[in-house]
Amino acid sequence: MNRHGRQRKGRYSSVKEYVLDRAVLPRHFYNGFDLKKLAKACDISIGEVRGQLRSLGYEQKENRKGLKMWRLPYDKVQSLRE
């Protein structure tokens, strides 16, 4: 991170690298801002972020308030860490 707490563009080579670099494995990403942040961190398009999330086992769901999010089911958490 730079001195303002923001991530540098293209800091990670893939979404998997970004996810595994977190201190706590992120179980969900909101479809809007979170995907933009991921795309910037990996220097890829939002469409590519969605594809990589899907390949990692994340599934697109809606929360109780109707917001779309990408959620990692509990049974896939361990396989992502391997």
N, C-alpha and C. Protein backbone atom coordinates (compact mmCIF):
# COMPACT_ATOMS: atom_id res chain seq x y z
N MET A 1 0.84 -1.19 0.00
CA MET A 1 0.00 0.00 0.00
C MET A 1 0.87 1.24 0.00
N ASN A 2 0.37 2.29 -0.61
CA ASN A 2 1.14 3.53 -0.58
C ASN A 2 0.80 4.31 0.68
N ARG A 3 1.33 5.49 0.82
CA ARG A 3 1.18 6.23 2.07
C ARG A 3 -0.26 6.65 2.36
N HIS A 4 -1.14 6.60 1.38
CA HIS A 4 -2.54 6.96 1.58
C HIS A 4 -3.40 5.74 1.88
N GLY A 5 -2.80 4.55 1.99
CA GLY A 5 -3.56 3.36 2.31
C GLY A 5 -4.24 2.71 1.12
N ARG A 6 -3.95 3.18 -0.07
CA ARG A 6 -4.58 2.60 -1.27
C ARG A 6 -3.61 1.66 -1.95
N GLN A 7 -4.18 0.69 -2.65
CA GLN A 7 -3.32 -0.29 -3.32
C GLN A 7 -2.80 0.23 -4.64
N ARG A 8 -1.60 -0.19 -4.96
CA ARG A 8 -1.03 0.17 -6.25
C ARG A 8 -1.70 -0.67 -7.34
N LYS A 9 -1.88 -0.08 -8.50
CA LYS A 9 -2.47 -0.78 -9.63
C LYS A 9 -1.55 -1.92 -10.06
N GLY A 10 -2.13 -3.11 -10.25
CA GLY A 10 -1.36 -4.24 -10.73
C GLY A 10 -0.43 -4.86 -9.71
N ARG A 11 -0.74 -4.71 -8.43
CA ARG A 11 0.13 -5.24 -7.38
C ARG A 11 0.12 -6.77 -7.36
N TYR A 12 -1.00 -7.38 -7.75
CA TYR A 12 -1.14 -8.84 -7.73
C TYR A 12 -1.29 -9.36 -9.16
N SER A 13 -0.81 -10.58 -9.39
CA SER A 13 -0.89 -11.15 -10.74
C SER A 13 -2.20 -11.87 -11.00
N SER A 14 -2.96 -12.19 -9.94
CA SER A 14 -4.24 -12.88 -10.11
C SER A 14 -5.13 -12.65 -8.89
N VAL A 15 -6.41 -12.96 -9.05
CA VAL A 15 -7.35 -12.84 -7.95
C VAL A 15 -6.98 -13.83 -6.85
N LYS A 16 -6.55 -15.02 -7.22
CA LYS A 16 -6.16 -16.02 -6.22
C LYS A 16 -5.01 -15.50 -5.35
N GLU A 17 -4.02 -14.88 -5.98
CA GLU A 17 -2.89 -14.32 -5.23
C GLU A 17 -3.39 -13.24 -4.26
N TYR A 18 -4.31 -12.40 -4.72
CA TYR A 18 -4.88 -11.34 -3.88
C TYR A 18 -5.61 -11.94 -2.68
N VAL A 19 -6.47 -12.93 -2.94
CA VAL A 19 -7.27 -13.56 -1.89
C VAL A 19 -6.38 -14.24 -0.85
N LEU A 20 -5.39 -14.99 -1.31
CA LEU A 20 -4.53 -15.72 -0.39
C LEU A 20 -3.58 -14.82 0.38
N ASP A 21 -3.37 -13.60 -0.09
CA ASP A 21 -2.48 -12.65 0.59
C ASP A 21 -3.18 -11.96 1.77
N ARG A 22 -4.51 -12.07 1.84
CA ARG A 22 -5.25 -11.45 2.94
C ARG A 22 -4.96 -12.20 4.24
N ALA A 23 -4.90 -11.48 5.35
CA ALA A 23 -4.69 -12.11 6.66
C ALA A 23 -5.84 -13.06 6.99
N VAL A 24 -7.05 -12.65 6.66
CA VAL A 24 -8.24 -13.48 6.83
C VAL A 24 -8.82 -13.71 5.45
N LEU A 25 -9.05 -14.97 5.10
CA LEU A 25 -9.58 -15.31 3.78
C LEU A 25 -10.93 -14.64 3.57
N PRO A 26 -11.06 -13.79 2.54
CA PRO A 26 -12.35 -13.13 2.31
C PRO A 26 -13.41 -14.14 1.86
N ARG A 27 -14.52 -14.20 2.57
CA ARG A 27 -15.59 -15.13 2.23
C ARG A 27 -16.55 -14.53 1.22
N HIS A 28 -16.55 -13.20 1.07
CA HIS A 28 -17.45 -12.60 0.08
C HIS A 28 -16.88 -11.29 -0.46
N PHE A 29 -17.34 -10.95 -1.66
CA PHE A 29 -17.02 -9.68 -2.30
C PHE A 29 -18.32 -9.12 -2.85
N TYR A 30 -18.61 -7.85 -2.61
CA TYR A 30 -19.79 -7.24 -3.21
C TYR A 30 -19.52 -7.00 -4.69
N ASN A 31 -20.57 -7.10 -5.50
CA ASN A 31 -20.45 -7.07 -6.95
C ASN A 31 -19.95 -5.74 -7.49
N GLY A 32 -20.11 -4.66 -6.79
CA GLY A 32 -19.71 -3.35 -7.30
C GLY A 32 -18.31 -2.92 -6.91
N PHE A 33 -18.22 -2.21 -5.79
CA PHE A 33 -16.95 -1.61 -5.38
C PHE A 33 -15.86 -2.65 -5.16
N ASP A 34 -16.18 -3.77 -4.51
CA ASP A 34 -15.16 -4.78 -4.23
C ASP A 34 -14.54 -5.33 -5.51
N LEU A 35 -15.36 -5.55 -6.53
CA LEU A 35 -14.81 -6.08 -7.79
C LEU A 35 -13.94 -5.04 -8.48
N LYS A 36 -14.31 -3.77 -8.38
CA LYS A 36 -13.48 -2.71 -8.96
C LYS A 36 -12.12 -2.66 -8.26
N LYS A 37 -12.14 -2.81 -6.93
CA LYS A 37 -10.90 -2.80 -6.16
C LYS A 37 -10.02 -3.99 -6.56
N LEU A 38 -10.63 -5.16 -6.71
CA LEU A 38 -9.89 -6.35 -7.14
C LEU A 38 -9.31 -6.17 -8.54
N ALA A 39 -10.11 -5.63 -9.44
CA ALA A 39 -9.66 -5.43 -10.82
C ALA A 39 -8.46 -4.49 -10.86
N LYS A 40 -8.51 -3.44 -10.06
CA LYS A 40 -7.40 -2.49 -10.02
C LYS A 40 -6.15 -3.14 -9.42
N ALA A 41 -6.33 -3.90 -8.34
CA ALA A 41 -5.19 -4.53 -7.68
C ALA A 41 -4.50 -5.55 -8.58
N CYS A 42 -5.28 -6.19 -9.46
CA CYS A 42 -4.72 -7.22 -10.35
C CYS A 42 -4.49 -6.69 -11.77
N ASP A 43 -4.90 -5.45 -12.03
CA ASP A 43 -4.78 -4.83 -13.35
C ASP A 43 -5.45 -5.67 -14.43
N ILE A 44 -6.71 -6.08 -14.15
CA ILE A 44 -7.51 -6.83 -15.11
C ILE A 44 -8.91 -6.24 -15.13
N SER A 45 -9.74 -6.69 -16.08
CA SER A 45 -11.11 -6.17 -16.18
C SER A 45 -12.01 -6.82 -15.13
N ILE A 46 -13.15 -6.19 -14.88
CA ILE A 46 -14.10 -6.74 -13.92
C ILE A 46 -14.63 -8.08 -14.41
N GLY A 47 -14.80 -8.24 -15.71
CA GLY A 47 -15.22 -9.52 -16.26
C GLY A 47 -14.23 -10.63 -15.96
N GLU A 48 -12.94 -10.31 -16.06
CA GLU A 48 -11.91 -11.29 -15.72
C GLU A 48 -11.93 -11.61 -14.23
N VAL A 49 -12.19 -10.61 -13.39
CA VAL A 49 -12.30 -10.84 -11.95
C VAL A 49 -13.42 -11.83 -11.67
N ARG A 50 -14.59 -11.61 -12.30
CA ARG A 50 -15.73 -12.52 -12.11
C ARG A 50 -15.37 -13.94 -12.52
N GLY A 51 -14.70 -14.09 -13.66
CA GLY A 51 -14.30 -15.41 -14.13
C GLY A 51 -13.34 -16.10 -13.17
N GLN A 52 -12.38 -15.35 -12.65
CA GLN A 52 -11.42 -15.93 -11.72
C GLN A 52 -12.08 -16.28 -10.38
N LEU A 53 -13.01 -15.44 -9.92
CA LEU A 53 -13.73 -15.76 -8.69
C LEU A 53 -14.52 -17.06 -8.86
N ARG A 54 -15.18 -17.19 -10.01
CA ARG A 54 -15.95 -18.40 -10.30
C ARG A 54 -15.04 -19.62 -10.31
N SER A 55 -13.87 -19.51 -10.91
CA SER A 55 -12.95 -20.65 -10.98
C SER A 55 -12.37 -21.01 -9.60
N LEU A 56 -12.36 -20.04 -8.67
CA LEU A 56 -11.88 -20.31 -7.31
C LEU A 56 -12.97 -20.91 -6.41
N GLY A 57 -14.19 -20.98 -6.92
CA GLY A 57 -15.27 -21.57 -6.13
C GLY A 57 -16.28 -20.58 -5.59
N TYR A 58 -16.07 -19.29 -5.82
CA TYR A 58 -17.04 -18.29 -5.37
C TYR A 58 -18.30 -18.40 -6.22
N GLU A 59 -19.45 -18.17 -5.60
CA GLU A 59 -20.73 -18.23 -6.29
C GLU A 59 -21.44 -16.90 -6.13
N GLN A 60 -22.09 -16.45 -7.22
CA GLN A 60 -22.81 -15.18 -7.13
C GLN A 60 -24.16 -15.40 -6.45
N LYS A 61 -24.42 -14.60 -5.43
CA LYS A 61 -25.66 -14.71 -4.64
C LYS A 61 -26.21 -13.32 -4.41
N GLU A 62 -27.41 -13.26 -3.83
CA GLU A 62 -27.99 -12.00 -3.38
C GLU A 62 -28.16 -12.07 -1.88
N ASN A 63 -27.82 -10.98 -1.18
CA ASN A 63 -28.04 -10.99 0.27
C ASN A 63 -29.49 -10.61 0.57
N ARG A 64 -29.82 -10.53 1.84
CA ARG A 64 -31.21 -10.25 2.23
C ARG A 64 -31.71 -8.89 1.75
N LYS A 65 -30.78 -7.97 1.54
CA LYS A 65 -31.16 -6.63 1.08
C LYS A 65 -31.20 -6.53 -0.44
N GLY A 66 -30.91 -7.63 -1.12
CA GLY A 66 -30.97 -7.65 -2.58
C GLY A 66 -29.67 -7.24 -3.27
N LEU A 67 -28.60 -7.06 -2.50
CA LEU A 67 -27.32 -6.71 -3.10
C LEU A 67 -26.62 -7.96 -3.61
N LYS A 68 -26.09 -7.88 -4.82
CA LYS A 68 -25.39 -9.02 -5.40
C LYS A 68 -23.99 -9.10 -4.82
N MET A 69 -23.57 -10.32 -4.52
CA MET A 69 -22.25 -10.53 -3.96
C MET A 69 -21.72 -11.88 -4.42
N TRP A 70 -20.40 -12.02 -4.33
CA TRP A 70 -19.74 -13.28 -4.61
C TRP A 70 -19.38 -13.89 -3.28
N ARG A 71 -19.89 -15.09 -3.00
CA ARG A 71 -19.71 -15.74 -1.71
C ARG A 71 -19.00 -17.08 -1.89
N LEU A 72 -18.06 -17.36 -0.99
CA LEU A 72 -17.33 -18.62 -1.00
C LEU A 72 -18.00 -19.57 -0.01
N PRO A 73 -18.57 -20.70 -0.49
CA PRO A 73 -19.21 -21.65 0.42
C PRO A 73 -18.19 -22.22 1.42
N TYR A 74 -18.66 -22.56 2.61
CA TYR A 74 -17.78 -23.08 3.67
C TYR A 74 -17.01 -24.30 3.20
N ASP A 75 -17.64 -25.18 2.40
CA ASP A 75 -16.96 -26.42 2.00
C ASP A 75 -15.84 -26.19 1.00
N LYS A 76 -15.70 -24.98 0.46
CA LYS A 76 -14.64 -24.70 -0.51
C LYS A 76 -13.50 -23.88 0.07
N VAL A 77 -13.64 -23.46 1.32
CA VAL A 77 -12.61 -22.62 1.94
C VAL A 77 -11.28 -23.37 2.02
N GLN A 78 -11.28 -24.60 2.51
CA GLN A 78 -10.05 -25.36 2.68
C GLN A 78 -9.37 -25.66 1.34
N SER A 79 -10.16 -25.97 0.32
CA SER A 79 -9.56 -26.30 -0.99
C SER A 79 -8.88 -25.08 -1.60
N LEU A 80 -9.33 -23.90 -1.27
CA LEU A 80 -8.70 -22.68 -1.78
C LEU A 80 -7.35 -22.46 -1.13
N ARG A 81 -7.22 -22.84 0.12
CA ARG A 81 -5.97 -22.65 0.85
C ARG A 81 -4.87 -23.62 0.41
N GLU A 82 -5.24 -24.74 -0.23
CA GLU A 82 -4.25 -25.75 -0.61
C GLU A 82 -3.50 -25.37 -1.86
